Amino acid sequence: MAKEIKKVAVIAKLNSAEAEEAARRIIGVLCSKEIETYSIVPFDVDGCILVSPDDLRDLDLDLVMAVGGDGTTLWSFNLIPCGTPLFSINVGGHRGILSEATIDSIEDSLSSILAKDYVCESHLRIQATIDDTMVTRPALNEIVCARQNLTRTPVFSIQLMNDEIRQRMDGIIVSTPTGSTGHSLSMGGSVLHEDLECLTLVPVASVNRMPQLVVPVQQINIRCSHDLSLILDGQEVFDIIAGRLIKITRNSSDAQFVRLRKRGLRQLRKLGF
């Protein structure tokens, strides 16, 4: 159920004059409605409360507005408290597949949200645990396991659903339905409806042409015979030593997107179909 909006944080794309100008428009509307509004260092705007990213995690927010491209949206989810609804506005991004609005519809979008005319969508996230000692932050789109040595093709062991797959290949992509339009799609993966409860496994340059798999949301164990890079949402990279156990599981907290209307396969429109 939509709730009244009283406290909002606005996160703008870094080093983007267009995104900052759009954020100022948003902040102007919010402040005129006497809504407590926060901005992130170093984006200081009159009428806003300036906070650091660490301080943002401690705030009890009703809404976060991410102003930029998909990268800004992914980054914002890492900054905000779990369960906080996020509204994404595509400003200066390429396709803005995750976004709900554009710079031309800012005022109309804000009017709908403040009138509680919106819905929240839950999108599952995944995380990786390395040898039971390190747990990564949640990934909304995908976790990519990619070889580091470009002259050797490693063997990947993938254990799921009480079975094991061993394949020589360059890497494996474990994608959520939200991320099916990202790296997974670029490797020929299917576009999945964002509401589905499943994961996709997309091999990268498999020697034996391993098929893509759509599987239930269960733990996936991965080992590699060579050192690899573990990449979260294309933004954070971990170096993983050969043979270490990577457990990929569902994160306990889903991402909450604010949508102004329910659509079918909304991603297709974003992709130009």
C-alpha atoms as a PDB file:
ATOM      1  CA  MET A   1       0.000   0.000   0.000  1.00  0.00           C
ATOM      2  CA  ALA A   2       1.306   3.446  -0.933  1.00  0.00           C
ATOM      3  CA  LYS A   3       2.173   5.583   2.070  1.00  0.00           C
ATOM      4  CA  GLU A   4       2.486   9.316   2.660  1.00  0.00           C
ATOM      5  CA  ILE A   5       5.906  10.690   1.748  1.00  0.00           C
ATOM      6  CA  LYS A   6       7.536  12.751   4.505  1.00  0.00           C
ATOM      7  CA  LYS A   7      11.293  12.078   4.246  1.00  0.00           C
ATOM      8  CA  VAL A   8      13.108  11.802   0.899  1.00  0.00           C
ATOM      9  CA  ALA A   9      16.739  11.472  -0.172  1.00  0.00           C
ATOM     10  CA  VAL A  10      17.825  12.586  -3.649  1.00  0.00           C
ATOM     11  CA  ILE A  11      20.886  10.921  -5.179  1.00  0.00           C
ATOM     12  CA  ALA A  12      22.203  12.480  -8.380  1.00  0.00           C
ATOM     13  CA  LYS A  13      24.634  11.011 -10.899  1.00  0.00           C
ATOM     14  CA  LEU A  14      28.149  12.216 -10.151  1.00  0.00           C
ATOM     15  CA  ASN A  15      29.786  14.722 -12.512  1.00  0.00           C
ATOM     16  CA  SER A  16      26.622  15.172 -14.567  1.00  0.00           C
ATOM     17  CA  ALA A  17      25.364  18.740 -14.906  1.00  0.00           C
ATOM     18  CA  GLU A  18      22.110  17.468 -16.449  1.00  0.00           C
ATOM     19  CA  ALA A  19      21.433  15.110 -13.531  1.00  0.00           C
ATOM     20  CA  GLU A  20      22.288  17.781 -10.970  1.00  0.00           C
ATOM     21  CA  GLU A  21      19.928  20.271 -12.600  1.00  0.00           C
ATOM     22  CA  ALA A  22      17.137  17.677 -12.593  1.00  0.00           C
ATOM     23  CA  ALA A  23      17.868  16.916  -8.929  1.00  0.00           C
ATOM     24  CA  ARG A  24      17.582  20.619  -8.100  1.00  0.00           C
ATOM     25  CA  ARG A  25      14.136  20.684  -9.736  1.00  0.00           C
ATOM     26  CA  ILE A  26      13.076  17.686  -7.658  1.00  0.00           C
ATOM     27  CA  ILE A  27      14.416  19.195  -4.446  1.00  0.00           C
ATOM     28  CA  GLY A  28      12.633  22.467  -5.207  1.00  0.00           C
ATOM     29  CA  VAL A  29       9.285  20.685  -5.475  1.00  0.00           C
ATOM     30  CA  LEU A  30       9.871  18.619  -2.333  1.00  0.00           C
ATOM     31  CA  CYS A  31      10.941  21.601  -0.252  1.00  0.00           C
ATOM     32  CA  SER A  32       7.926  23.596  -1.440  1.00  0.00           C
ATOM     33  CA  LYS A  33       5.756  20.802   0.001  1.00  0.00           C
ATOM     34  CA  GLU A  34       7.691  20.975   3.298  1.00  0.00           C
ATOM     35  CA  ILE A  35       9.026  17.456   2.848  1.00  0.00           C
ATOM     36  CA  GLU A  36      12.229  16.720   4.741  1.00  0.00           C
ATOM     37  CA  THR A  37      14.801  16.289   1.974  1.00  0.00           C
ATOM     38  CA  TYR A  38      18.359  14.964   2.050  1.00  0.00           C
ATOM     39  CA  SER A  39      21.168  15.188  -0.491  1.00  0.00           C
ATOM     40  CA  ILE A  40      24.467  13.324  -0.592  1.00  0.00           C
ATOM     41  CA  VAL A  41      27.904  14.871  -0.182  1.00  0.00           C
ATOM     42  CA  PRO A  42      29.133  16.819  -2.156  1.00  0.00           C
ATOM     43  CA  PHE A  43      25.802  17.781  -3.793  1.00  0.00           C
ATOM     44  CA  ASP A  44      24.733  20.640  -1.510  1.00  0.00           C
ATOM     45  CA  VAL A  45      21.429  22.371  -2.304  1.00  0.00           C
ATOM     46  CA  ASP A  46      19.620  25.077  -0.351  1.00  0.00           C
ATOM     47  CA  GLY A  47      16.760  23.600   1.643  1.00  0.00           C
ATOM     48  CA  CYS A  48      18.376  20.124   1.807  1.00  0.00           C
ATOM     49  CA  ILE A  49      20.065  18.348   4.677  1.00  0.00           C
ATOM     50  CA  LEU A  50      23.524  17.313   3.486  1.00  0.00           C
ATOM     51  CA  VAL A  51      24.601  13.835   4.626  1.00  0.00           C
ATOM     52  CA  SER A  52      27.378  11.373   3.891  1.00  0.00           C
ATOM     53  CA  PRO A  53      26.636   7.998   2.262  1.00  0.00           C
ATOM     54  CA  ASP A  54      27.258   6.263   5.605  1.00  0.00           C
ATOM     55  CA  ASP A  55      24.791   8.575   7.376  1.00  0.00           C
ATOM     56  CA  LEU A  56      22.184   7.840   4.708  1.00  0.00           C
ATOM     57  CA  ARG A  57      22.019   4.177   5.771  1.00  0.00           C
ATOM     58  CA  ASP A  58      20.866   5.207   9.240  1.00  0.00           C
ATOM     59  CA  LEU A  59      17.945   7.352   8.085  1.00  0.00           C
ATOM     60  CA  ASP A  60      14.327   6.225   8.200  1.00  0.00           C
ATOM     61  CA  LEU A  61      13.363   7.310   4.686  1.00  0.00           C
ATOM     62  CA  ASP A  62      10.024   7.050   2.911  1.00  0.00           C
ATOM     63  CA  LEU A  63      11.557   7.361  -0.551  1.00  0.00           C
ATOM     64  CA  VAL A  64      14.848   7.679  -2.407  1.00  0.00           C
ATOM     65  CA  MET A  65      15.023   9.319  -5.830  1.00  0.00           C
ATOM     66  CA  ALA A  66      17.925   8.208  -8.043  1.00  0.00           C
ATOM     67  CA  VAL A  67      18.625  10.734 -10.800  1.00  0.00           C
ATOM     68  CA  GLY A  68      20.917   9.469 -13.559  1.00  0.00           C
ATOM     69  CA  GLY A  69      21.237   6.221 -15.481  1.00  0.00           C
ATOM     70  CA  ASP A  70      21.003   2.568 -14.483  1.00  0.00           C
ATOM     71  CA  GLY A  71      24.445   2.804 -12.875  1.00  0.00           C
ATOM     72  CA  THR A  72      23.157   5.480 -10.514  1.00  0.00           C
ATOM     73  CA  THR A  73      20.164   3.314  -9.618  1.00  0.00           C
ATOM     74  CA  LEU A  74      22.370   0.300  -8.860  1.00  0.00           C
ATOM     75  CA  TRP A  75      24.755   2.472  -6.825  1.00  0.00           C
ATOM     76  CA  SER A  76      21.871   4.047  -4.898  1.00  0.00           C
ATOM     77  CA  PHE A  77      20.523   0.691  -3.744  1.00  0.00           C
ATOM     78  CA  ASN A  78      23.893   0.063  -2.086  1.00  0.00           C
ATOM     79  CA  LEU A  79      23.614   3.303  -0.112  1.00  0.00           C
ATOM     80  CA  ILE A  80      20.082   3.178   1.245  1.00  0.00           C
ATOM     81  CA  PRO A  81      18.549   1.231   4.138  1.00  0.00           C
ATOM     82  CA  CYS A  82      17.127  -2.186   3.262  1.00  0.00           C
ATOM     83  CA  GLY A  83      13.508  -2.051   2.162  1.00  0.00           C
ATOM     84  CA  THR A  84      13.506   1.659   1.270  1.00  0.00           C
ATOM     85  CA  PRO A  85      11.479   2.321  -1.918  1.00  0.00           C
ATOM     86  CA  LEU A  86      13.431   3.881  -4.790  1.00  0.00           C
ATOM     87  CA  PHE A  87      12.163   5.906  -7.757  1.00  0.00           C
ATOM     88  CA  SER A  88      14.554   5.975 -10.720  1.00  0.00           C
ATOM     89  CA  ILE A  89      14.660   8.881 -13.183  1.00  0.00           C
ATOM     90  CA  ASN A  90      16.730   8.453 -16.335  1.00  0.00           C
ATOM     91  CA  VAL A  91      18.798  11.588 -16.913  1.00  0.00           C
ATOM     92  CA  GLY A  92      21.928  11.268 -19.010  1.00  0.00           C
ATOM     93  CA  GLY A  93      21.796   7.468 -19.065  1.00  0.00           C
ATOM     94  CA  HIS A  94      21.764   5.330 -22.187  1.00  0.00           C
ATOM     95  CA  ARG A  95      18.620   3.210 -22.087  1.00  0.00           C
ATOM     96  CA  GLY A  96      17.579   3.623 -18.481  1.00  0.00           C
ATOM     97  CA  ILE A  97      16.022   0.169 -18.366  1.00  0.00           C
ATOM     98  CA  LEU A  98      15.560   0.330 -14.594  1.00  0.00           C
ATOM     99  CA  SER A  99      14.050   3.808 -14.642  1.00  0.00           C
ATOM    100  CA  GLU A 100      10.401   4.746 -14.369  1.00  0.00           C
ATOM    101  CA  ALA A 101      10.527   8.364 -15.569  1.00  0.00           C
ATOM    102  CA  THR A 102      12.551  10.844 -17.613  1.00  0.00           C
ATOM    103  CA  ILE A 103      13.571  14.456 -17.113  1.00  0.00           C
ATOM    104  CA  ASP A 104      10.472  15.618 -19.032  1.00  0.00           C
ATOM    105  CA  SER A 105       8.053  14.012 -16.564  1.00  0.00           C
ATOM    106  CA  ILE A 106       9.633  14.970 -13.237  1.00  0.00           C
ATOM    107  CA  GLU A 107       6.870  17.267 -11.975  1.00  0.00           C
ATOM    108  CA  ASP A 108       4.035  14.935 -13.076  1.00  0.00           C
ATOM    109  CA  SER A 109       5.799  11.966 -11.491  1.00  0.00           C
ATOM    110  CA  LEU A 110       6.265  13.801  -8.208  1.00  0.00           C
ATOM    111  CA  SER A 111       2.606  14.821  -8.188  1.00  0.00           C
ATOM    112  CA  SER A 112       1.531  11.183  -8.533  1.00  0.00           C
ATOM    113  CA  ILE A 113       3.906   9.969  -5.838  1.00  0.00           C
ATOM    114  CA  LEU A 114       2.939  12.664  -3.348  1.00  0.00           C
ATOM    115  CA  ALA A 115      -0.727  11.853  -4.016  1.00  0.00           C
ATOM    116  CA  LYS A 116       0.089   8.213  -3.101  1.00  0.00           C
ATOM    117  CA  ASP A 117      -0.778   7.143  -6.646  1.00  0.00           C
ATOM    118  CA  TYR A 118       2.011   4.593  -7.028  1.00  0.00           C
ATOM    119  CA  VAL A 119       2.879   0.949  -6.402  1.00  0.00           C
ATOM    120  CA  CYS A 120       5.991  -0.794  -5.083  1.00  0.00           C
ATOM    121  CA  GLU A 121       7.605  -3.715  -6.877  1.00  0.00           C
ATOM    122  CA  SER A 122       9.912  -6.177  -5.111  1.00  0.00           C
ATOM    123  CA  HIS A 123      12.946  -7.359  -7.085  1.00  0.00           C
ATOM    124  CA  LEU A 124      15.062 -10.188  -5.727  1.00  0.00           C
ATOM    125  CA  ARG A 125      18.784  -9.653  -5.154  1.00  0.00           C
ATOM    126  CA  ILE A 126      21.651 -12.112  -4.820  1.00  0.00           C
ATOM    127  CA  GLN A 127      24.938 -12.170  -2.914  1.00  0.00           C
ATOM    128  CA  ALA A 128      28.143 -14.203  -2.897  1.00  0.00           C
ATOM    129  CA  THR A 129      29.866 -15.832   0.059  1.00  0.00           C
ATOM    130  CA  ILE A 130      33.544 -16.760  -0.352  1.00  0.00           C
ATOM    131  CA  ASP A 131      34.691 -19.815   1.675  1.00  0.00           C
ATOM    132  CA  ASP A 132      32.199 -18.870   4.414  1.00  0.00           C
ATOM    133  CA  THR A 133      34.482 -15.996   5.437  1.00  0.00           C
ATOM    134  CA  MET A 134      33.433 -13.051   3.261  1.00  0.00           C
ATOM    135  CA  VAL A 135      29.953 -12.005   2.196  1.00  0.00           C
ATOM    136  CA  THR A 136      29.558  -9.481  -0.612  1.00  0.00           C
ATOM    137  CA  ARG A 137      26.982  -6.748  -0.785  1.00  0.00           C
ATOM    138  CA  PRO A 138      23.741  -7.583  -2.651  1.00  0.00           C
ATOM    139  CA  ALA A 139      23.675  -7.546  -6.459  1.00  0.00           C
ATOM    140  CA  LEU A 140      20.450  -6.469  -8.157  1.00  0.00           C
ATOM    141  CA  ASN A 141      21.431  -7.403 -11.725  1.00  0.00           C
ATOM    142  CA  GLU A 142      24.029 -10.147 -11.769  1.00  0.00           C
ATOM    143  CA  ILE A 143      27.187 -11.717 -10.437  1.00  0.00           C
ATOM    144  CA  VAL A 144      29.787 -12.475 -13.099  1.00  0.00           C
ATOM    145  CA  CYS A 145      32.588 -14.997 -12.582  1.00  0.00           C
ATOM    146  CA  ALA A 146      35.234 -14.359 -15.243  1.00  0.00           C
ATOM    147  CA  ARG A 147      38.698 -15.827 -15.810  1.00  0.00           C
ATOM    148  CA  GLN A 148      41.709 -13.603 -15.155  1.00  0.00           C
ATOM    149  CA  ASN A 149      44.351 -15.427 -17.215  1.00  0.00           C
ATOM    150  CA  LEU A 150      43.479 -14.802 -20.856  1.00  0.00           C
ATOM    151  CA  THR A 151      45.801 -17.548 -22.112  1.00  0.00           C
ATOM    152  CA  ARG A 152      44.202 -20.381 -20.093  1.00  0.00           C
ATOM    153  CA  THR A 153      40.617 -21.605 -20.274  1.00  0.00           C
ATOM    154  CA  PRO A 154      39.640 -22.761 -16.761  1.00  0.00           C
ATOM    155  CA  VAL A 155      37.289 -25.502 -15.660  1.00  0.00           C
ATOM    156  CA  PHE A 156      34.241 -24.306 -13.738  1.00  0.00           C
ATOM    157  CA  SER A 157      32.388 -26.572 -11.334  1.00  0.00           C
ATOM    158  CA  ILE A 158      28.777 -25.481 -10.787  1.00  0.00           C
ATOM    159  CA  GLN A 159      26.714 -27.275  -8.152  1.00  0.00           C
ATOM    160  CA  LEU A 160      22.983 -26.683  -7.932  1.00  0.00           C
ATOM    161  CA  MET A 161      19.858 -28.691  -7.162  1.00  0.00           C
ATOM    162  CA  ASN A 162      21.923 -31.691  -5.965  1.00  0.00           C
ATOM    163  CA  ASP A 163      23.761 -31.922  -9.275  1.00  0.00           C
ATOM    164  CA  GLU A 164      27.092 -30.761 -10.689  1.00  0.00           C
ATOM    165  CA  ILE A 165      28.089 -29.304 -14.048  1.00  0.00           C
ATOM    166  CA  ARG A 166      31.772 -29.189 -15.011  1.00  0.00           C
ATOM    167  CA  GLN A 167      32.627 -27.082 -18.030  1.00  0.00           C
ATOM    168  CA  ARG A 168      35.715 -25.499 -19.548  1.00  0.00           C
ATOM    169  CA  MET A 169      34.775 -21.907 -20.330  1.00  0.00           C
ATOM    170  CA  ASP A 170      35.721 -18.265 -19.838  1.00  0.00           C
ATOM    171  CA  GLY A 171      33.132 -17.565 -17.171  1.00  0.00           C
ATOM    172  CA  ILE A 172      29.582 -17.819 -15.911  1.00  0.00           C
ATOM    173  CA  ILE A 173      26.910 -15.151 -15.332  1.00  0.00           C
ATOM    174  CA  VAL A 174      24.351 -15.649 -12.572  1.00  0.00           C
ATOM    175  CA  SER A 175      21.573 -13.173 -13.267  1.00  0.00           C
ATOM    176  CA  THR A 176      18.345 -12.116 -11.601  1.00  0.00           C
ATOM    177  CA  PRO A 177      15.238 -11.426 -13.721  1.00  0.00           C
ATOM    178  CA  THR A 178      15.988  -7.707 -13.281  1.00  0.00           C
ATOM    179  CA  GLY A 179      19.486  -8.263 -14.658  1.00  0.00           C
ATOM    180  CA  SER A 180      18.330 -10.368 -17.576  1.00  0.00           C
ATOM    181  CA  THR A 181      18.519  -7.238 -19.747  1.00  0.00           C
ATOM    182  CA  GLY A 182      22.154  -6.572 -18.787  1.00  0.00           C
ATOM    183  CA  HIS A 183      25.258  -8.706 -19.303  1.00  0.00           C
ATOM    184  CA  SER A 184      23.086 -11.808 -19.593  1.00  0.00           C
ATOM    185  CA  LEU A 185      21.256 -10.392 -22.616  1.00  0.00           C
ATOM    186  CA  SER A 186      24.540  -9.372 -24.244  1.00  0.00           C
ATOM    187  CA  MET A 187      25.580 -13.045 -24.116  1.00  0.00           C
ATOM    188  CA  GLY A 188      22.338 -14.169 -25.754  1.00  0.00           C
ATOM    189  CA  GLY A 189      20.327 -14.749 -22.589  1.00  0.00           C
ATOM    190  CA  SER A 190      16.540 -14.491 -22.441  1.00  0.00           C
ATOM    191  CA  VAL A 191      14.650 -11.456 -21.166  1.00  0.00           C
ATOM    192  CA  LEU A 192      12.741 -12.540 -18.044  1.00  0.00           C
ATOM    193  CA  HIS A 193       9.788 -10.788 -16.493  1.00  0.00           C
ATOM    194  CA  GLU A 194      11.013  -8.883 -13.446  1.00  0.00           C
ATOM    195  CA  ASP A 195       8.428 -10.489 -11.134  1.00  0.00           C
ATOM    196  CA  LEU A 196       9.679 -14.043 -11.723  1.00  0.00           C
ATOM    197  CA  GLU A 197      11.269 -15.982  -8.854  1.00  0.00           C
ATOM    198  CA  CYS A 198      14.196 -17.569 -10.679  1.00  0.00           C
ATOM    199  CA  LEU A 199      17.814 -17.115 -11.737  1.00  0.00           C
ATOM    200  CA  THR A 200      19.559 -17.526 -15.078  1.00  0.00           C
ATOM    201  CA  LEU A 201      22.957 -19.108 -15.607  1.00  0.00           C
ATOM    202  CA  VAL A 202      24.602 -17.928 -18.804  1.00  0.00           C
ATOM    203  CA  PRO A 203      27.957 -19.495 -19.782  1.00  0.00           C
ATOM    204  CA  VAL A 204      30.655 -17.341 -21.365  1.00  0.00           C
ATOM    205  CA  ALA A 205      32.445 -19.046 -24.292  1.00  0.00           C
ATOM    206  CA  SER A 206      31.816 -22.607 -23.131  1.00  0.00           C
ATOM    207  CA  VAL A 207      34.025 -25.080 -25.022  1.00  0.00           C
ATOM    208  CA  ASN A 208      31.209 -27.665 -25.122  1.00  0.00           C
ATOM    209  CA  ARG A 209      28.521 -25.036 -25.751  1.00  0.00           C
ATOM    210  CA  MET A 210      26.820 -25.395 -22.391  1.00  0.00           C
ATOM    211  CA  PRO A 211      23.200 -24.210 -22.673  1.00  0.00           C
ATOM    212  CA  GLN A 212      21.779 -21.307 -20.714  1.00  0.00           C
ATOM    213  CA  LEU A 213      19.786 -22.422 -17.682  1.00  0.00           C
ATOM    214  CA  VAL A 214      16.786 -20.953 -15.874  1.00  0.00           C
ATOM    215  CA  VAL A 215      16.675 -22.365 -12.353  1.00  0.00           C
ATOM    216  CA  PRO A 216      14.746 -21.898  -9.086  1.00  0.00           C
ATOM    217  CA  VAL A 217      16.178 -19.484  -6.533  1.00  0.00           C
ATOM    218  CA  GLN A 218      18.406 -21.914  -4.679  1.00  0.00           C
ATOM    219  CA  GLN A 219      22.032 -21.858  -3.541  1.00  0.00           C
ATOM    220  CA  ILE A 220      24.561 -22.174  -6.361  1.00  0.00           C
ATOM    221  CA  ASN A 221      28.115 -23.301  -5.571  1.00  0.00           C
ATOM    222  CA  ILE A 222      30.901 -22.367  -7.983  1.00  0.00           C
ATOM    223  CA  ARG A 223      34.587 -23.300  -8.031  1.00  0.00           C
ATOM    224  CA  CYS A 224      37.149 -22.480 -10.704  1.00  0.00           C
ATOM    225  CA  SER A 225      40.428 -24.198 -11.515  1.00  0.00           C
ATOM    226  CA  HIS A 226      42.112 -20.824 -12.089  1.00  0.00           C
ATOM    227  CA  ASP A 227      42.018 -17.384 -10.472  1.00  0.00           C
ATOM    228  CA  LEU A 228      38.934 -15.412 -11.421  1.00  0.00           C
ATOM    229  CA  SER A 229      37.283 -12.030 -11.025  1.00  0.00           C
ATOM    230  CA  LEU A 230      33.941 -11.814  -9.245  1.00  0.00           C
ATOM    231  CA  ILE A 231      32.022  -8.793 -10.562  1.00  0.00           C
ATOM    232  CA  LEU A 232      28.888  -7.415  -8.877  1.00  0.00           C
ATOM    233  CA  ASP A 233      26.521  -5.395 -11.054  1.00  0.00           C
ATOM    234  CA  GLY A 234      29.471  -4.236 -13.174  1.00  0.00           C
ATOM    235  CA  GLN A 235      30.555  -1.946 -10.328  1.00  0.00           C
ATOM    236  CA  GLU A 236      32.597  -3.902  -7.812  1.00  0.00           C
ATOM    237  CA  VAL A 237      35.322  -6.492  -8.503  1.00  0.00           C
ATOM    238  CA  PHE A 238      36.826  -9.121  -6.194  1.00  0.00           C
ATOM    239  CA  ASP A 239      39.885 -11.238  -6.982  1.00  0.00           C
ATOM    240  CA  ILE A 240      39.171 -14.884  -6.162  1.00  0.00           C
ATOM    241  CA  ILE A 241      41.982 -17.430  -5.854  1.00  0.00           C
ATOM    242  CA  ALA A 242      41.627 -20.708  -7.756  1.00  0.00           C
ATOM    243  CA  GLY A 243      39.687 -23.417  -5.951  1.00  0.00           C
ATOM    244  CA  ARG A 244      37.877 -21.188  -3.488  1.00  0.00           C
ATOM    245  CA  LEU A 245      34.201 -21.906  -2.933  1.00  0.00           C
ATOM    246  CA  ILE A 246      31.756 -19.244  -4.099  1.00  0.00           C
ATOM    247  CA  LYS A 247      28.213 -19.619  -2.762  1.00  0.00           C
ATOM    248  CA  ILE A 248      25.576 -17.533  -4.522  1.00  0.00           C
ATOM    249  CA  THR A 249      22.329 -17.141  -2.593  1.00  0.00           C
ATOM    250  CA  ARG A 250      19.333 -14.867  -2.413  1.00  0.00           C
ATOM    251  CA  ASN A 251      19.811 -11.793  -0.272  1.00  0.00           C
ATOM    252  CA  SER A 252      17.389 -11.482   2.626  1.00  0.00           C
ATOM    253  CA  SER A 253      16.184  -8.055   1.452  1.00  0.00           C
ATOM    254  CA  ASP A 254      14.589  -7.422  -1.935  1.00  0.00           C
ATOM    255  CA  ALA A 255      14.996  -4.129  -3.789  1.00  0.00           C
ATOM    256  CA  GLN A 256      11.850  -1.988  -3.745  1.00  0.00           C
ATOM    257  CA  PHE A 257      11.058  -0.011  -6.907  1.00  0.00           C
ATOM    258  CA  VAL A 258       8.403   2.689  -7.013  1.00  0.00           C
ATOM    259  CA  ARG A 259       6.312   2.388 -10.181  1.00  0.00           C
ATOM    260  CA  LEU A 260       3.602   4.758 -11.360  1.00  0.00           C
ATOM    261  CA  ARG A 261       1.780   2.051 -13.283  1.00  0.00           C
ATOM    262  CA  LYS A 262       1.958  -1.690 -13.743  1.00  0.00           C
ATOM    263  CA  ARG A 263       3.161  -2.906 -17.143  1.00  0.00           C
ATOM    264  CA  GLY A 264       3.738  -6.256 -18.779  1.00  0.00           C
ATOM    265  CA  LEU A 265       7.216  -6.765 -20.159  1.00  0.00           C
ATOM    266  CA  ARG A 266       8.257  -3.168 -19.488  1.00  0.00           C
ATOM    267  CA  GLN A 267      11.873  -3.991 -20.350  1.00  0.00           C
ATOM    268  CA  LEU A 268      10.966  -4.569 -24.007  1.00  0.00           C
ATOM    269  CA  ARG A 269       9.873  -0.955 -24.428  1.00  0.00           C
ATOM    270  CA  LYS A 270      13.149   0.195 -22.876  1.00  0.00           C
ATOM    271  CA  LEU A 271      15.060  -2.014 -25.312  1.00  0.00           C
ATOM    272  CA  GLY A 272      13.279  -0.452 -28.261  1.00  0.00           C
ATOM    273  CA  PHE A 273      10.811  -3.221 -29.136  1.00  0.00           C
END
